[in-house]
Amino acid sequence: MPRSDAPSLPEALVDDPLLTPEDVSVILGGVPPGPLKRWRTQRTGPVVLHIGRHVRYRRSAVEAWLLEKDREAVTWMVS
C-alpha cells in the first residue's frame, strides 16, 4: 500500500519512462551499441541522461530525435 505522505511523480514523468541503450536499440530497429555510444560522445543522437554509471534516455527525447531525423529526410528529398 503506498504511503499517503509520499510525494507522487508528476504525470509527465510517469508517461515518459527511462530507456536503456538496449531499449533504444530496439526502438531504432536494431541499431547496434557502437553507433549509440558514438552518437552520445559526439552529441548527435538523442539526449542522454547519466545516472551514476548508467546511461538512460527519456522516451520523449528518442521520439523527438526521430521526428527531427524525419524532417531532415523530407528536406533532403525535396531539395
PDB file of N, CA and C in Angstrom:
ATOM      1  N   MET A   1       0.853  -1.178   0.000  1.00  0.00           N
ATOM      2  CA  MET A   1       0.000   0.000   0.000  1.00  0.00           C
ATOM      3  C   MET A   1       0.896   1.237   0.000  1.00  0.00           C
ATOM      4  N   PRO A   2       0.694   2.170  -0.940  1.00  0.00           N
ATOM      5  CA  PRO A   2       1.529   3.366  -0.980  1.00  0.00           C
ATOM      6  C   PRO A   2       1.249   4.279   0.194  1.00  0.00           C
ATOM      7  N   ARG A   3       2.293   4.919   0.649  1.00  0.00           N
ATOM      8  CA  ARG A   3       2.128   5.877   1.748  1.00  0.00           C
ATOM      9  C   ARG A   3       1.461   7.134   1.222  1.00  0.00           C
ATOM     10  N   SER A   4       0.539   7.669   1.994  1.00  0.00           N
ATOM     11  CA  SER A   4      -0.187   8.854   1.548  1.00  0.00           C
ATOM     12  C   SER A   4       0.677  10.108   1.607  1.00  0.00           C
ATOM     13  N   ASP A   5       1.739  10.108   2.434  1.00  0.00           N
ATOM     14  CA  ASP A   5       2.586  11.285   2.536  1.00  0.00           C
ATOM     15  C   ASP A   5       3.772  11.231   1.562  1.00  0.00           C
ATOM     16  N   ALA A   6       3.903  10.142   0.806  1.00  0.00           N
ATOM     17  CA  ALA A   6       4.993  10.027  -0.168  1.00  0.00           C
ATOM     18  C   ALA A   6       4.694  10.927  -1.358  1.00  0.00           C
ATOM     19  N   PRO A   7       5.703  11.648  -1.839  1.00  0.00           N
ATOM     20  CA  PRO A   7       5.450  12.511  -2.991  1.00  0.00           C
ATOM     21  C   PRO A   7       5.165  11.666  -4.227  1.00  0.00           C
ATOM     22  N   SER A   8       4.221  12.116  -5.016  1.00  0.00           N
ATOM     23  CA  SER A   8       3.901  11.388  -6.243  1.00  0.00           C
ATOM     24  C   SER A   8       4.683  12.010  -7.398  1.00  0.00           C
ATOM     25  N   LEU A   9       4.981  11.186  -8.365  1.00  0.00           N
ATOM     26  CA  LEU A   9       5.703  11.670  -9.534  1.00  0.00           C
ATOM     27  C   LEU A   9       4.767  12.490 -10.405  1.00  0.00           C
ATOM     28  N   PRO A  10       5.287  13.550 -11.005  1.00  0.00           N
ATOM     29  CA  PRO A  10       4.455  14.282 -11.969  1.00  0.00           C
ATOM     30  C   PRO A  10       4.020  13.340 -13.092  1.00  0.00           C
ATOM     31  N   GLU A  11       2.841  13.562 -13.588  1.00  0.00           N
ATOM     32  CA  GLU A  11       2.287  12.697 -14.635  1.00  0.00           C
ATOM     33  C   GLU A  11       3.208  12.592 -15.846  1.00  0.00           C
ATOM     34  N   ALA A  12       3.902  13.684 -16.184  1.00  0.00           N
ATOM     35  CA  ALA A  12       4.803  13.676 -17.339  1.00  0.00           C
ATOM     36  C   ALA A  12       5.922  12.664 -17.160  1.00  0.00           C
ATOM     37  N   LEU A  13       6.421  12.491 -15.932  1.00  0.00           N
ATOM     38  CA  LEU A  13       7.498  11.529 -15.700  1.00  0.00           C
ATOM     39  C   LEU A  13       6.985  10.095 -15.742  1.00  0.00           C
ATOM     40  N   VAL A  14       5.775   9.897 -15.308  1.00  0.00           N
ATOM     41  CA  VAL A  14       5.198   8.558 -15.333  1.00  0.00           C
ATOM     42  C   VAL A  14       5.008   8.106 -16.777  1.00  0.00           C
ATOM     43  N   ASP A  15       4.585   9.015 -17.630  1.00  0.00           N
ATOM     44  CA  ASP A  15       4.334   8.691 -19.033  1.00  0.00           C
ATOM     45  C   ASP A  15       5.585   8.784 -19.899  1.00  0.00           C
ATOM     46  N   ASP A  16       6.724   9.108 -19.310  1.00  0.00           N
ATOM     47  CA  ASP A  16       7.972   9.285 -20.065  1.00  0.00           C
ATOM     48  C   ASP A  16       9.071   8.442 -19.422  1.00  0.00           C
ATOM     49  N   PRO A  17       9.011   7.130 -19.642  1.00  0.00           N
ATOM     50  CA  PRO A  17       9.947   6.246 -18.944  1.00  0.00           C
ATOM     51  C   PRO A  17      11.386   6.425 -19.411  1.00  0.00           C
ATOM     52  N   LEU A  18      12.307   6.022 -18.538  1.00  0.00           N
ATOM     53  CA  LEU A  18      13.715   5.999 -18.895  1.00  0.00           C
ATOM     54  C   LEU A  18      14.012   4.698 -19.614  1.00  0.00           C
ATOM     55  N   LEU A  19      14.795   4.802 -20.676  1.00  0.00           N
ATOM     56  CA  LEU A  19      15.133   3.649 -21.500  1.00  0.00           C
ATOM     57  C   LEU A  19      16.620   3.359 -21.424  1.00  0.00           C
ATOM     58  N   THR A  20      16.968   2.101 -21.477  1.00  0.00           N
ATOM     59  CA  THR A  20      18.367   1.704 -21.551  1.00  0.00           C
ATOM     60  C   THR A  20      18.839   1.820 -22.997  1.00  0.00           C
ATOM     61  N   PRO A  21      20.143   1.814 -23.227  1.00  0.00           N
ATOM     62  CA  PRO A  21      20.623   1.788 -24.613  1.00  0.00           C
ATOM     63  C   PRO A  21      20.059   0.589 -25.397  1.00  0.00           C
ATOM     64  N   GLU A  22      19.881  -0.539 -24.724  1.00  0.00           N
ATOM     65  CA  GLU A  22      19.313  -1.710 -25.393  1.00  0.00           C
ATOM     66  C   GLU A  22      17.871  -1.443 -25.833  1.00  0.00           C
ATOM     67  N   ASP A  23      17.102  -0.759 -24.984  1.00  0.00           N
ATOM     68  CA  ASP A  23      15.730  -0.389 -25.345  1.00  0.00           C
ATOM     69  C   ASP A  23      15.727   0.515 -26.566  1.00  0.00           C
ATOM     70  N   VAL A  24      16.627   1.494 -26.566  1.00  0.00           N
ATOM     71  CA  VAL A  24      16.701   2.440 -27.684  1.00  0.00           C
ATOM     72  C   VAL A  24      17.122   1.718 -28.955  1.00  0.00           C
ATOM     73  N   SER A  25      18.015   0.769 -28.830  1.00  0.00           N
ATOM     74  CA  SER A  25      18.434  -0.023 -29.979  1.00  0.00           C
ATOM     75  C   SER A  25      17.239  -0.710 -30.631  1.00  0.00           C
ATOM     76  N   VAL A  26      16.373  -1.283 -29.817  1.00  0.00           N
ATOM     77  CA  VAL A  26      15.174  -1.953 -30.342  1.00  0.00           C
ATOM     78  C   VAL A  26      14.253  -0.945 -31.020  1.00  0.00           C
ATOM     79  N   ILE A  27      14.030   0.200 -30.373  1.00  0.00           N
ATOM     80  CA  ILE A  27      13.149   1.231 -30.934  1.00  0.00           C
ATOM     81  C   ILE A  27      13.675   1.715 -32.285  1.00  0.00           C
ATOM     82  N   LEU A  28      14.998   1.807 -32.407  1.00  0.00           N
ATOM     83  CA  LEU A  28      15.611   2.291 -33.642  1.00  0.00           C
ATOM     84  C   LEU A  28      15.843   1.169 -34.650  1.00  0.00           C
ATOM     85  N   GLY A  29      15.180   0.057 -34.470  1.00  0.00           N
ATOM     86  CA  GLY A  29      15.249  -1.015 -35.454  1.00  0.00           C
ATOM     87  C   GLY A  29      16.519  -1.846 -35.399  1.00  0.00           C
ATOM     88  N   GLY A  30      17.139  -1.932 -34.241  1.00  0.00           N
ATOM     89  CA  GLY A  30      18.311  -2.780 -34.087  1.00  0.00           C
ATOM     90  C   GLY A  30      19.636  -2.084 -34.297  1.00  0.00           C
ATOM     91  N   VAL A  31      19.670  -0.756 -34.142  1.00  0.00           N
ATOM     92  CA  VAL A  31      20.948  -0.038 -34.230  1.00  0.00           C
ATOM     93  C   VAL A  31      21.873  -0.616 -33.165  1.00  0.00           C
ATOM     94  N   PRO A  32      23.079  -1.053 -33.534  1.00  0.00           N
ATOM     95  CA  PRO A  32      23.989  -1.654 -32.554  1.00  0.00           C
ATOM     96  C   PRO A  32      24.467  -0.650 -31.501  1.00  0.00           C
ATOM     97  N   PRO A  33      25.040  -1.155 -30.414  1.00  0.00           N
ATOM     98  CA  PRO A  33      25.511  -0.271 -29.338  1.00  0.00           C
ATOM     99  C   PRO A  33      26.604   0.705 -29.783  1.00  0.00           C
ATOM    100  N   GLY A  34      27.434   0.323 -30.724  1.00  0.00           N
ATOM    101  CA  GLY A  34      28.536   1.190 -31.168  1.00  0.00           C
ATOM    102  C   GLY A  34      28.085   2.556 -31.649  1.00  0.00           C
ATOM    103  N   PRO A  35      27.159   2.599 -32.615  1.00  0.00           N
ATOM    104  CA  PRO A  35      26.672   3.914 -33.065  1.00  0.00           C
ATOM    105  C   PRO A  35      25.995   4.715 -31.960  1.00  0.00           C
ATOM    106  N   LEU A  36      25.234   4.045 -31.089  1.00  0.00           N
ATOM    107  CA  LEU A  36      24.602   4.770 -29.979  1.00  0.00           C
ATOM    108  C   LEU A  36      25.658   5.433 -29.108  1.00  0.00           C
ATOM    109  N   LYS A  37      26.729   4.713 -28.803  1.00  0.00           N
ATOM    110  CA  LYS A  37      27.805   5.275 -27.983  1.00  0.00           C
ATOM    111  C   LYS A  37      28.502   6.420 -28.713  1.00  0.00           C
ATOM    112  N   ARG A  38      28.758   6.237 -30.002  1.00  0.00           N
ATOM    113  CA  ARG A  38      29.409   7.288 -30.789  1.00  0.00           C
ATOM    114  C   ARG A  38      28.527   8.539 -30.843  1.00  0.00           C
ATOM    115  N   TRP A  39      27.220   8.350 -31.054  1.00  0.00           N
ATOM    116  CA  TRP A  39      26.310   9.495 -31.084  1.00  0.00           C
ATOM    117  C   TRP A  39      26.301  10.211 -29.734  1.00  0.00           C
ATOM    118  N   ARG A  40      26.399   9.453 -28.637  1.00  0.00           N
ATOM    119  CA  ARG A  40      26.451  10.084 -27.303  1.00  0.00           C
ATOM    120  C   ARG A  40      27.690  10.953 -27.177  1.00  0.00           C
ATOM    121  N   THR A  41      28.852  10.411 -27.561  1.00  0.00           N
ATOM    122  CA  THR A  41      30.093  11.161 -27.389  1.00  0.00           C
ATOM    123  C   THR A  41      30.163  12.348 -28.335  1.00  0.00           C
ATOM    124  N   GLN A  42      29.563  12.220 -29.520  1.00  0.00           N
ATOM    125  CA  GLN A  42      29.552  13.324 -30.483  1.00  0.00           C
ATOM    126  C   GLN A  42      28.374  14.270 -30.264  1.00  0.00           C
ATOM    127  N   ARG A  43      27.481  13.887 -29.356  1.00  0.00           N
ATOM    128  CA  ARG A  43      26.262  14.661 -29.059  1.00  0.00           C
ATOM    129  C   ARG A  43      25.405  14.890 -30.299  1.00  0.00           C
ATOM    130  N   THR A  44      25.276  13.846 -31.096  1.00  0.00           N
ATOM    131  CA  THR A  44      24.452  13.927 -32.302  1.00  0.00           C
ATOM    132  C   THR A  44      23.212  13.042 -32.224  1.00  0.00           C
ATOM    133  N   GLY A  45      23.111  12.219 -31.196  1.00  0.00           N
ATOM    134  CA  GLY A  45      21.967  11.328 -31.042  1.00  0.00           C
ATOM    135  C   GLY A  45      20.952  11.906 -30.087  1.00  0.00           C
ATOM    136  N   PRO A  46      20.038  11.069 -29.640  1.00  0.00           N
ATOM    137  CA  PRO A  46      19.038  11.526 -28.665  1.00  0.00           C
ATOM    138  C   PRO A  46      19.723  12.022 -27.385  1.00  0.00           C
ATOM    139  N   VAL A  47      19.088  12.968 -26.724  1.00  0.00           N
ATOM    140  CA  VAL A  47      19.610  13.492 -25.460  1.00  0.00           C
ATOM    141  C   VAL A  47      19.701  12.345 -24.465  1.00  0.00           C
ATOM    142  N   VAL A  48      20.822  12.274 -23.769  1.00  0.00           N
ATOM    143  CA  VAL A  48      21.098  11.167 -22.862  1.00  0.00           C
ATOM    144  C   VAL A  48      21.204  11.672 -21.429  1.00  0.00           C
ATOM    145  N   LEU A  49      20.824  10.830 -20.487  1.00  0.00           N
ATOM    146  CA  LEU A  49      20.987  11.114 -19.067  1.00  0.00           C
ATOM    147  C   LEU A  49      22.032  10.166 -18.507  1.00  0.00           C
ATOM    148  N   HIS A  50      22.913  10.682 -17.678  1.00  0.00           N
ATOM    149  CA  HIS A  50      23.878   9.843 -16.974  1.00  0.00           C
ATOM    150  C   HIS A  50      23.438   9.795 -15.515  1.00  0.00           C
ATOM    151  N   ILE A  51      23.072   8.612 -15.068  1.00  0.00           N
ATOM    152  CA  ILE A  51      22.623   8.417 -13.693  1.00  0.00           C
ATOM    153  C   ILE A  51      23.655   7.494 -13.054  1.00  0.00           C
ATOM    154  N   GLY A  52      24.579   8.119 -12.332  1.00  0.00           N
ATOM    155  CA  GLY A  52      25.708   7.345 -11.827  1.00  0.00           C
ATOM    156  C   GLY A  52      26.518   6.839 -13.009  1.00  0.00           C
ATOM    157  N   ARG A  53      26.740   5.547 -13.072  1.00  0.00           N
ATOM    158  CA  ARG A  53      27.463   4.947 -14.193  1.00  0.00           C
ATOM    159  C   ARG A  53      26.536   4.509 -15.314  1.00  0.00           C
ATOM    160  N   HIS A  54      25.261   4.746 -15.147  1.00  0.00           N
ATOM    161  CA  HIS A  54      24.274   4.238 -16.095  1.00  0.00           C
ATOM    162  C   HIS A  54      23.867   5.302 -17.100  1.00  0.00           C
ATOM    163  N   VAL A  55      23.652   4.868 -18.321  1.00  0.00           N
ATOM    164  CA  VAL A  55      23.179   5.734 -19.396  1.00  0.00           C
ATOM    165  C   VAL A  55      21.706   5.428 -19.606  1.00  0.00           C
ATOM    166  N   ARG A  56      20.900   6.475 -19.636  1.00  0.00           N
ATOM    167  CA  ARG A  56      19.465   6.311 -19.868  1.00  0.00           C
ATOM    168  C   ARG A  56      18.984   7.403 -20.822  1.00  0.00           C
ATOM    169  N   TYR A  57      17.921   7.086 -21.521  1.00  0.00           N
ATOM    170  CA  TYR A  57      17.284   8.020 -22.447  1.00  0.00           C
ATOM    171  C   TYR A  57      15.829   8.166 -22.039  1.00  0.00           C
ATOM    172  N   ARG A  58      15.297   9.361 -22.119  1.00  0.00           N
ATOM    173  CA  ARG A  58      13.848   9.527 -21.946  1.00  0.00           C
ATOM    174  C   ARG A  58      13.190   9.144 -23.271  1.00  0.00           C
ATOM    175  N   ARG A  59      12.091   8.452 -23.166  1.00  0.00           N
ATOM    176  CA  ARG A  59      11.373   8.057 -24.385  1.00  0.00           C
ATOM    177  C   ARG A  59      11.046   9.289 -25.233  1.00  0.00           C
ATOM    178  N   SER A  60      10.639  10.376 -24.589  1.00  0.00           N
ATOM    179  CA  SER A  60      10.282  11.591 -25.342  1.00  0.00           C
ATOM    180  C   SER A  60      11.487  12.148 -26.098  1.00  0.00           C
ATOM    181  N   ALA A  61      12.701  12.016 -25.537  1.00  0.00           N
ATOM    182  CA  ALA A  61      13.902  12.503 -26.220  1.00  0.00           C
ATOM    183  C   ALA A  61      14.194  11.667 -27.461  1.00  0.00           C
ATOM    184  N   VAL A  62      13.994  10.371 -27.354  1.00  0.00           N
ATOM    185  CA  VAL A  62      14.215   9.484 -28.510  1.00  0.00           C
ATOM    186  C   VAL A  62      13.189   9.791 -29.598  1.00  0.00           C
ATOM    187  N   GLU A  63      11.941   9.957 -29.205  1.00  0.00           N
ATOM    188  CA  GLU A  63      10.889  10.266 -30.170  1.00  0.00           C
ATOM    189  C   GLU A  63      11.121  11.616 -30.835  1.00  0.00           C
ATOM    190  N   ALA A  64      11.559  12.618 -30.068  1.00  0.00           N
ATOM    191  CA  ALA A  64      11.843  13.945 -30.632  1.00  0.00           C
ATOM    192  C   ALA A  64      13.005  13.865 -31.623  1.00  0.00           C
ATOM    193  N   TRP A  65      14.025  13.092 -31.297  1.00  0.00           N
ATOM    194  CA  TRP A  65      15.170  12.933 -32.179  1.00  0.00           C
ATOM    195  C   TRP A  65      14.746  12.254 -33.485  1.00  0.00           C
ATOM    196  N   LEU A  66      13.890  11.247 -33.384  1.00  0.00           N
ATOM    197  CA  LEU A  66      13.392  10.582 -34.590  1.00  0.00           C
ATOM    198  C   LEU A  66      12.578  11.535 -35.461  1.00  0.00           C
ATOM    199  N   LEU A  67      11.749  12.372 -34.840  1.00  0.00           N
ATOM    200  CA  LEU A  67      10.980  13.356 -35.616  1.00  0.00           C
ATOM    201  C   LEU A  67      11.906  14.327 -36.331  1.00  0.00           C
ATOM    202  N   GLU A  68      12.980  14.737 -35.650  1.00  0.00           N
ATOM    203  CA  GLU A  68      13.953  15.625 -36.280  1.00  0.00           C
ATOM    204  C   GLU A  68      14.601  14.938 -37.483  1.00  0.00           C
ATOM    205  N   LYS A  69      14.936  13.659 -37.341  1.00  0.00           N
ATOM    206  CA  LYS A  69      15.523  12.905 -38.451  1.00  0.00           C
ATOM    207  C   LYS A  69      14.535  12.787 -39.602  1.00  0.00           C
ATOM    208  N   ASP A  70      13.254  12.601 -39.298  1.00  0.00           N
ATOM    209  CA  ASP A  70      12.226  12.559 -40.342  1.00  0.00           C
ATOM    210  C   ASP A  70      12.179  13.876 -41.107  1.00  0.00           C
ATOM    211  N   ARG A  71      12.213  14.998 -40.374  1.00  0.00           N
ATOM    212  CA  ARG A  71      12.178  16.319 -41.019  1.00  0.00           C
ATOM    213  C   ARG A  71      13.407  16.520 -41.902  1.00  0.00           C
ATOM    214  N   GLU A  72      14.575  16.108 -41.402  1.00  0.00           N
ATOM    215  CA  GLU A  72      15.799  16.232 -42.201  1.00  0.00           C
ATOM    216  C   GLU A  72      15.695  15.408 -43.481  1.00  0.00           C
ATOM    217  N   ALA A  73      15.119  14.217 -43.393  1.00  0.00           N
ATOM    218  CA  ALA A  73      14.980  13.358 -44.569  1.00  0.00           C
ATOM    219  C   ALA A  73      14.037  13.988 -45.590  1.00  0.00           C
ATOM    220  N   VAL A  74      12.934  14.554 -45.108  1.00  0.00           N
ATOM    221  CA  VAL A  74      11.984  15.194 -46.025  1.00  0.00           C
ATOM    222  C   VAL A  74      12.638  16.385 -46.705  1.00  0.00           C
ATOM    223  N   THR A  75      13.351  17.200 -45.940  1.00  0.00           N
ATOM    224  CA  THR A  75      14.039  18.354 -46.512  1.00  0.00           C
ATOM    225  C   THR A  75      15.042  17.920 -47.558  1.00  0.00           C
ATOM    226  N   TRP A  76      15.779  16.858 -47.265  1.00  0.00           N
ATOM    227  CA  TRP A  76      16.777  16.369 -48.217  1.00  0.00           C
ATOM    228  C   TRP A  76      16.106  15.854 -49.485  1.00  0.00           C
ATOM    229  N   MET A  77      14.969  15.166 -49.347  1.00  0.00           N
ATOM    230  CA  MET A  77      14.280  14.590 -50.501  1.00  0.00           C
ATOM    231  C   MET A  77      13.726  15.666 -51.434  1.00  0.00           C
ATOM    232  N   VAL A  78      13.294  16.797 -50.898  1.00  0.00           N
ATOM    233  CA  VAL A  78      12.701  17.828 -51.752  1.00  0.00           C
ATOM    234  C   VAL A  78      13.742  18.798 -52.300  1.00  0.00           C
ATOM    235  N   SER A  79      14.971  18.677 -51.846  1.00  0.00           N
ATOM    236  CA  SER A  79      15.992  19.619 -52.352  1.00  0.00           C
ATOM    237  C   SER A  79      16.646  19.111 -53.611  1.00  0.00           C
TER     238      SER A  79
END
